[in-house]
Amino acid sequence: MAVCQAERPGQGKPQYSLNHFRRQRETVGRMLCPMCGEPTASGDRWTQVAKRAPAGLLRARGLGMALPAPVPNERIIIDAGSIAPLHDACVKRSLAHCPHLKAHPGVEVMAWPEHWTVAPLMVEAVAPPTLAIIAAPRAPPRAAVGFLQIFGLTQDSDPRWRRRLRELDLAPSQPHDPRQGA
């Protein structure tokens, strides 16, 4: 889909919540500001609607493949979804002009940490019926990368992260080990 998507940066009207596949991957992979397209520098990377969560909670939700194994479950992760960090000036501009951000109840501007990781967001790869007839008779791939999801690795921790698992009914059914935290 990314190969066929038209690209005319700087032209037309903004299409909020309709990310361009290739540009989204490029902003995350190269740490480009999704607002202006320029590189972001350490110390000038900000996120607006990301959520903070312990790594163990993200792993319980099936996002463990994104987190390096040495990251402890109590480490706080910033889940920014598919939106790369922005420059401070671009954050201010987008908050002033974007109708979606103005109406979004979860806007919280946070500094982006020095370390991060990326995971592919997979989508089911199904050819439209008209293309299926034209395509070669081999089986198509079952999944394809839609977007890249970005996670910031903070130095903060939540020693009581297991309690949140129980509250959300995500805890595995095994006895509690007091050495693992509350």
C-alpha atoms as a PDB file:
ATOM      1  CA  MET A   1       0.000   0.000   0.000  1.00  0.00           C
ATOM      2  CA  ALA A   2       2.860   2.398   0.779  1.00  0.00           C
ATOM      3  CA  VAL A   3       4.287   2.011  -2.717  1.00  0.00           C
ATOM      4  CA  CYS A   4       1.005   3.082  -4.326  1.00  0.00           C
ATOM      5  CA  GLN A   5       0.173   5.939  -1.966  1.00  0.00           C
ATOM      6  CA  ALA A   6       0.393   9.366  -3.617  1.00  0.00           C
ATOM      7  CA  GLU A   7       2.883  11.791  -2.167  1.00  0.00           C
ATOM      8  CA  ARG A   8       2.687  15.567  -2.466  1.00  0.00           C
ATOM      9  CA  PRO A   9       4.175  17.067   0.718  1.00  0.00           C
ATOM     10  CA  GLY A  10       3.275  20.692   1.285  1.00  0.00           C
ATOM     11  CA  GLN A  11       0.315  20.570  -1.101  1.00  0.00           C
ATOM     12  CA  GLY A  12      -3.369  20.166  -0.400  1.00  0.00           C
ATOM     13  CA  LYS A  13      -5.120  20.186   2.951  1.00  0.00           C
ATOM     14  CA  PRO A  14      -4.035  18.326   6.094  1.00  0.00           C
ATOM     15  CA  GLN A  15      -5.667  14.927   6.419  1.00  0.00           C
ATOM     16  CA  TYR A  16      -5.695  14.411  10.163  1.00  0.00           C
ATOM     17  CA  SER A  17      -5.439  10.796  11.297  1.00  0.00           C
ATOM     18  CA  LEU A  18      -4.587   9.635   7.751  1.00  0.00           C
ATOM     19  CA  ASN A  19      -0.849   9.057   8.004  1.00  0.00           C
ATOM     20  CA  HIS A  20       1.205   8.512   4.881  1.00  0.00           C
ATOM     21  CA  PHE A  21       2.682   5.001   5.138  1.00  0.00           C
ATOM     22  CA  ARG A  22       6.187   5.677   3.835  1.00  0.00           C
ATOM     23  CA  ARG A  23       6.588   9.050   5.546  1.00  0.00           C
ATOM     24  CA  GLN A  24       5.406   7.591   8.858  1.00  0.00           C
ATOM     25  CA  ARG A  25       8.070   4.877   8.706  1.00  0.00           C
ATOM     26  CA  GLU A  26      10.686   7.432   7.720  1.00  0.00           C
ATOM     27  CA  THR A  27       9.841   9.810  10.585  1.00  0.00           C
ATOM     28  CA  VAL A  28      10.140   7.016  13.142  1.00  0.00           C
ATOM     29  CA  GLY A  29      13.185   5.346  11.598  1.00  0.00           C
ATOM     30  CA  ARG A  30      15.163   8.570  11.133  1.00  0.00           C
ATOM     31  CA  MET A  31      13.676  10.517  14.104  1.00  0.00           C
ATOM     32  CA  LEU A  32      12.227  13.191  11.831  1.00  0.00           C
ATOM     33  CA  CYS A  33       9.631  15.574  13.189  1.00  0.00           C
ATOM     34  CA  PRO A  34       6.263  14.489  11.726  1.00  0.00           C
ATOM     35  CA  MET A  35       5.171  18.123  11.649  1.00  0.00           C
ATOM     36  CA  CYS A  36       7.999  19.763   9.682  1.00  0.00           C
ATOM     37  CA  GLY A  37       9.937  16.740   8.382  1.00  0.00           C
ATOM     38  CA  GLU A  38      13.289  17.945   9.751  1.00  0.00           C
ATOM     39  CA  PRO A  39      15.538  15.818  12.005  1.00  0.00           C
ATOM     40  CA  THR A  40      14.967  16.102  15.735  1.00  0.00           C
ATOM     41  CA  ALA A  41      17.979  16.431  18.025  1.00  0.00           C
ATOM     42  CA  SER A  42      18.568  14.986  21.455  1.00  0.00           C
ATOM     43  CA  GLY A  43      17.066  17.435  23.947  1.00  0.00           C
ATOM     44  CA  ASP A  44      14.488  18.730  21.443  1.00  0.00           C
ATOM     45  CA  ARG A  45      12.228  15.681  21.103  1.00  0.00           C
ATOM     46  CA  TRP A  46       8.722  15.850  22.530  1.00  0.00           C
ATOM     47  CA  THR A  47       5.561  13.755  22.440  1.00  0.00           C
ATOM     48  CA  GLN A  48       1.986  14.930  22.921  1.00  0.00           C
ATOM     49  CA  VAL A  49      -0.427  12.033  23.323  1.00  0.00           C
ATOM     50  CA  ALA A  50       1.824   9.151  24.382  1.00  0.00           C
ATOM     51  CA  LYS A  51       0.977   6.978  27.362  1.00  0.00           C
ATOM     52  CA  ARG A  52       3.327   5.880  30.130  1.00  0.00           C
ATOM     53  CA  ALA A  53       3.129   2.228  31.191  1.00  0.00           C
ATOM     54  CA  PRO A  54       5.350  -0.357  32.867  1.00  0.00           C
ATOM     55  CA  ALA A  55       7.099  -2.707  30.428  1.00  0.00           C
ATOM     56  CA  GLY A  56       5.393  -5.694  32.096  1.00  0.00           C
ATOM     57  CA  LEU A  57       1.977  -4.257  31.284  1.00  0.00           C
ATOM     58  CA  LEU A  58       2.943  -3.745  27.632  1.00  0.00           C
ATOM     59  CA  ARG A  59       4.278  -7.309  27.493  1.00  0.00           C
ATOM     60  CA  ALA A  60       1.007  -8.616  28.968  1.00  0.00           C
ATOM     61  CA  ARG A  61      -0.848  -6.770  26.201  1.00  0.00           C
ATOM     62  CA  GLY A  62       1.203  -8.577  23.548  1.00  0.00           C
ATOM     63  CA  LEU A  63       3.748  -5.839  22.801  1.00  0.00           C
ATOM     64  CA  GLY A  64       6.721  -7.726  24.245  1.00  0.00           C
ATOM     65  CA  MET A  65       8.406  -8.154  20.862  1.00  0.00           C
ATOM     66  CA  ALA A  66       9.048  -4.404  20.868  1.00  0.00           C
ATOM     67  CA  LEU A  67      10.894  -4.346  24.146  1.00  0.00           C
ATOM     68  CA  PRO A  68      14.459  -5.572  24.530  1.00  0.00           C
ATOM     69  CA  ALA A  69      14.626  -8.582  26.879  1.00  0.00           C
ATOM     70  CA  PRO A  70      16.929  -6.817  29.395  1.00  0.00           C
ATOM     71  CA  VAL A  71      14.303  -4.101  30.013  1.00  0.00           C
ATOM     72  CA  PRO A  72      12.807  -5.024  33.398  1.00  0.00           C
ATOM     73  CA  ASN A  73       9.031  -5.282  33.727  1.00  0.00           C
ATOM     74  CA  GLU A  74       8.891  -2.406  36.203  1.00  0.00           C
ATOM     75  CA  ARG A  75      10.626   0.046  33.802  1.00  0.00           C
ATOM     76  CA  ILE A  76       8.286   2.811  32.598  1.00  0.00           C
ATOM     77  CA  ILE A  77       7.907   2.914  28.819  1.00  0.00           C
ATOM     78  CA  ILE A  78       6.460   5.791  26.813  1.00  0.00           C
ATOM     79  CA  ASP A  79       4.168   4.291  24.158  1.00  0.00           C
ATOM     80  CA  ALA A  80       3.899   6.951  21.448  1.00  0.00           C
ATOM     81  CA  GLY A  81       2.070   4.707  19.011  1.00  0.00           C
ATOM     82  CA  SER A  82       3.007   5.570  15.446  1.00  0.00           C
ATOM     83  CA  ILE A  83       3.912   9.219  16.047  1.00  0.00           C
ATOM     84  CA  ALA A  84       7.615  10.123  16.130  1.00  0.00           C
ATOM     85  CA  PRO A  85       8.754  12.864  18.533  1.00  0.00           C
ATOM     86  CA  LEU A  86       8.342  16.481  17.427  1.00  0.00           C
ATOM     87  CA  HIS A  87      10.422  19.627  17.951  1.00  0.00           C
ATOM     88  CA  ASP A  88       9.280  21.853  20.831  1.00  0.00           C
ATOM     89  CA  ALA A  89       8.305  24.610  18.360  1.00  0.00           C
ATOM     90  CA  CYS A  90       6.311  22.119  16.275  1.00  0.00           C
ATOM     91  CA  VAL A  91       4.514  20.817  19.376  1.00  0.00           C
ATOM     92  CA  LYS A  92       3.423  24.359  20.222  1.00  0.00           C
ATOM     93  CA  ARG A  93       2.330  25.032  16.653  1.00  0.00           C
ATOM     94  CA  SER A  94       0.364  21.791  16.356  1.00  0.00           C
ATOM     95  CA  LEU A  95      -1.364  22.323  19.722  1.00  0.00           C
ATOM     96  CA  ALA A  96      -2.399  25.808  18.564  1.00  0.00           C
ATOM     97  CA  HIS A  97      -3.724  24.762  15.134  1.00  0.00           C
ATOM     98  CA  CYS A  98      -4.673  21.062  15.034  1.00  0.00           C
ATOM     99  CA  PRO A  99      -8.405  20.521  15.665  1.00  0.00           C
ATOM    100  CA  HIS A 100      -7.828  16.894  16.728  1.00  0.00           C
ATOM    101  CA  LEU A 101      -5.251  17.837  19.352  1.00  0.00           C
ATOM    102  CA  LYS A 102      -7.403  20.695  20.623  1.00  0.00           C
ATOM    103  CA  ALA A 103     -10.240  18.215  21.200  1.00  0.00           C
ATOM    104  CA  HIS A 104      -8.059  15.332  22.459  1.00  0.00           C
ATOM    105  CA  PRO A 105      -8.560  14.738  26.212  1.00  0.00           C
ATOM    106  CA  GLY A 106      -5.201  12.967  26.625  1.00  0.00           C
ATOM    107  CA  VAL A 107      -2.746  15.636  25.489  1.00  0.00           C
ATOM    108  CA  GLU A 108       0.285  15.622  27.770  1.00  0.00           C
ATOM    109  CA  VAL A 109       3.511  17.058  26.411  1.00  0.00           C
ATOM    110  CA  MET A 110       6.458  14.935  27.581  1.00  0.00           C
ATOM    111  CA  ALA A 111      10.164  15.076  26.875  1.00  0.00           C
ATOM    112  CA  TRP A 112      11.314  12.105  24.786  1.00  0.00           C
ATOM    113  CA  PRO A 113      13.942   9.902  26.469  1.00  0.00           C
ATOM    114  CA  GLU A 114      17.438   9.316  25.074  1.00  0.00           C
ATOM    115  CA  HIS A 115      16.762   5.627  24.384  1.00  0.00           C
ATOM    116  CA  TRP A 116      13.891   4.134  22.385  1.00  0.00           C
ATOM    117  CA  THR A 117      12.867   1.064  20.454  1.00  0.00           C
ATOM    118  CA  VAL A 118      10.601   0.420  17.486  1.00  0.00           C
ATOM    119  CA  ALA A 119       8.185  -2.392  16.625  1.00  0.00           C
ATOM    120  CA  PRO A 120       6.277  -3.116  13.421  1.00  0.00           C
ATOM    121  CA  LEU A 121       2.511  -2.742  13.516  1.00  0.00           C
ATOM    122  CA  MET A 122       1.339  -5.584  11.341  1.00  0.00           C
ATOM    123  CA  VAL A 123      -1.764  -5.560   9.157  1.00  0.00           C
ATOM    124  CA  GLU A 124      -3.388  -8.451   7.385  1.00  0.00           C
ATOM    125  CA  ALA A 125      -2.172  -8.556   3.800  1.00  0.00           C
ATOM    126  CA  VAL A 126      -5.214  -9.313   1.682  1.00  0.00           C
ATOM    127  CA  ALA A 127      -5.325  -8.413  -2.001  1.00  0.00           C
ATOM    128  CA  PRO A 128      -8.492  -6.718  -3.234  1.00  0.00           C
ATOM    129  CA  PRO A 129     -10.658  -9.116  -5.306  1.00  0.00           C
ATOM    130  CA  THR A 130      -9.753  -7.474  -8.625  1.00  0.00           C
ATOM    131  CA  LEU A 131      -6.015  -7.798  -7.902  1.00  0.00           C
ATOM    132  CA  ALA A 132      -6.393 -11.372  -6.707  1.00  0.00           C
ATOM    133  CA  ILE A 133      -7.551 -12.417 -10.190  1.00  0.00           C
ATOM    134  CA  ILE A 134      -4.579 -10.734 -11.883  1.00  0.00           C
ATOM    135  CA  ALA A 135      -1.995 -11.850  -9.324  1.00  0.00           C
ATOM    136  CA  ALA A 136       0.101 -14.987  -9.691  1.00  0.00           C
ATOM    137  CA  PRO A 137      -1.542 -18.100  -8.222  1.00  0.00           C
ATOM    138  CA  ARG A 138       0.833 -18.251  -5.229  1.00  0.00           C
ATOM    139  CA  ALA A 139      -0.298 -17.602  -1.666  1.00  0.00           C
ATOM    140  CA  PRO A 140       0.059 -13.958  -0.576  1.00  0.00           C
ATOM    141  CA  PRO A 141       1.861 -13.123   2.665  1.00  0.00           C
ATOM    142  CA  ARG A 142      -0.399 -13.274   5.703  1.00  0.00           C
ATOM    143  CA  ALA A 143       0.780  -9.981   7.217  1.00  0.00           C
ATOM    144  CA  ALA A 144       2.622  -6.857   6.214  1.00  0.00           C
ATOM    145  CA  VAL A 145       4.094  -3.950   8.148  1.00  0.00           C
ATOM    146  CA  GLY A 146       1.590  -1.096   8.219  1.00  0.00           C
ATOM    147  CA  PHE A 147       3.310   1.391  10.489  1.00  0.00           C
ATOM    148  CA  LEU A 148       6.174   1.468  12.950  1.00  0.00           C
ATOM    149  CA  GLN A 149       5.309   1.891  16.613  1.00  0.00           C
ATOM    150  CA  ILE A 150       7.805   3.764  18.786  1.00  0.00           C
ATOM    151  CA  PHE A 151       8.496   3.286  22.497  1.00  0.00           C
ATOM    152  CA  GLY A 152      10.655   5.551  24.675  1.00  0.00           C
ATOM    153  CA  LEU A 153      12.668   3.793  27.387  1.00  0.00           C
ATOM    154  CA  THR A 154      12.668   5.962  30.519  1.00  0.00           C
ATOM    155  CA  GLN A 155      14.778   5.576  33.647  1.00  0.00           C
ATOM    156  CA  ASP A 156      11.625   5.609  35.811  1.00  0.00           C
ATOM    157  CA  SER A 157      10.156   2.473  37.300  1.00  0.00           C
ATOM    158  CA  ASP A 158       6.960   1.270  38.928  1.00  0.00           C
ATOM    159  CA  PRO A 159       7.737  -1.426  41.524  1.00  0.00           C
ATOM    160  CA  ARG A 160       3.986  -2.078  41.890  1.00  0.00           C
ATOM    161  CA  TRP A 161       3.397  -2.781  38.200  1.00  0.00           C
ATOM    162  CA  ARG A 162       1.860  -6.224  38.943  1.00  0.00           C
ATOM    163  CA  ARG A 163      -1.036  -4.540  40.748  1.00  0.00           C
ATOM    164  CA  ARG A 164      -2.024  -2.852  37.473  1.00  0.00           C
ATOM    165  CA  LEU A 165      -2.012  -6.267  35.776  1.00  0.00           C
ATOM    166  CA  ARG A 166      -4.489  -7.547  38.356  1.00  0.00           C
ATOM    167  CA  GLU A 167      -6.624  -4.403  38.061  1.00  0.00           C
ATOM    168  CA  LEU A 168      -6.815  -4.856  34.284  1.00  0.00           C
ATOM    169  CA  ASP A 169      -7.272  -8.632  34.631  1.00  0.00           C
ATOM    170  CA  LEU A 170      -4.112  -9.285  32.570  1.00  0.00           C
ATOM    171  CA  ALA A 171      -2.186 -11.153  35.267  1.00  0.00           C
ATOM    172  CA  PRO A 172      -1.181 -14.748  34.519  1.00  0.00           C
ATOM    173  CA  SER A 173      -2.729 -17.298  36.854  1.00  0.00           C
ATOM    174  CA  GLN A 174       0.313 -18.113  38.962  1.00  0.00           C
ATOM    175  CA  PRO A 175       1.198 -17.596  42.620  1.00  0.00           C
ATOM    176  CA  HIS A 176       2.572 -14.191  43.587  1.00  0.00           C
ATOM    177  CA  ASP A 177       6.307 -14.059  44.313  1.00  0.00           C
ATOM    178  CA  PRO A 178       6.930 -11.325  46.940  1.00  0.00           C
ATOM    179  CA  ARG A 179      10.470 -10.803  45.584  1.00  0.00           C
ATOM    180  CA  GLN A 180       8.947  -9.558  42.291  1.00  0.00           C
ATOM    181  CA  GLY A 181       7.240  -6.481  43.768  1.00  0.00           C
ATOM    182  CA  ALA A 182       3.586  -5.758  44.538  1.00  0.00           C
END
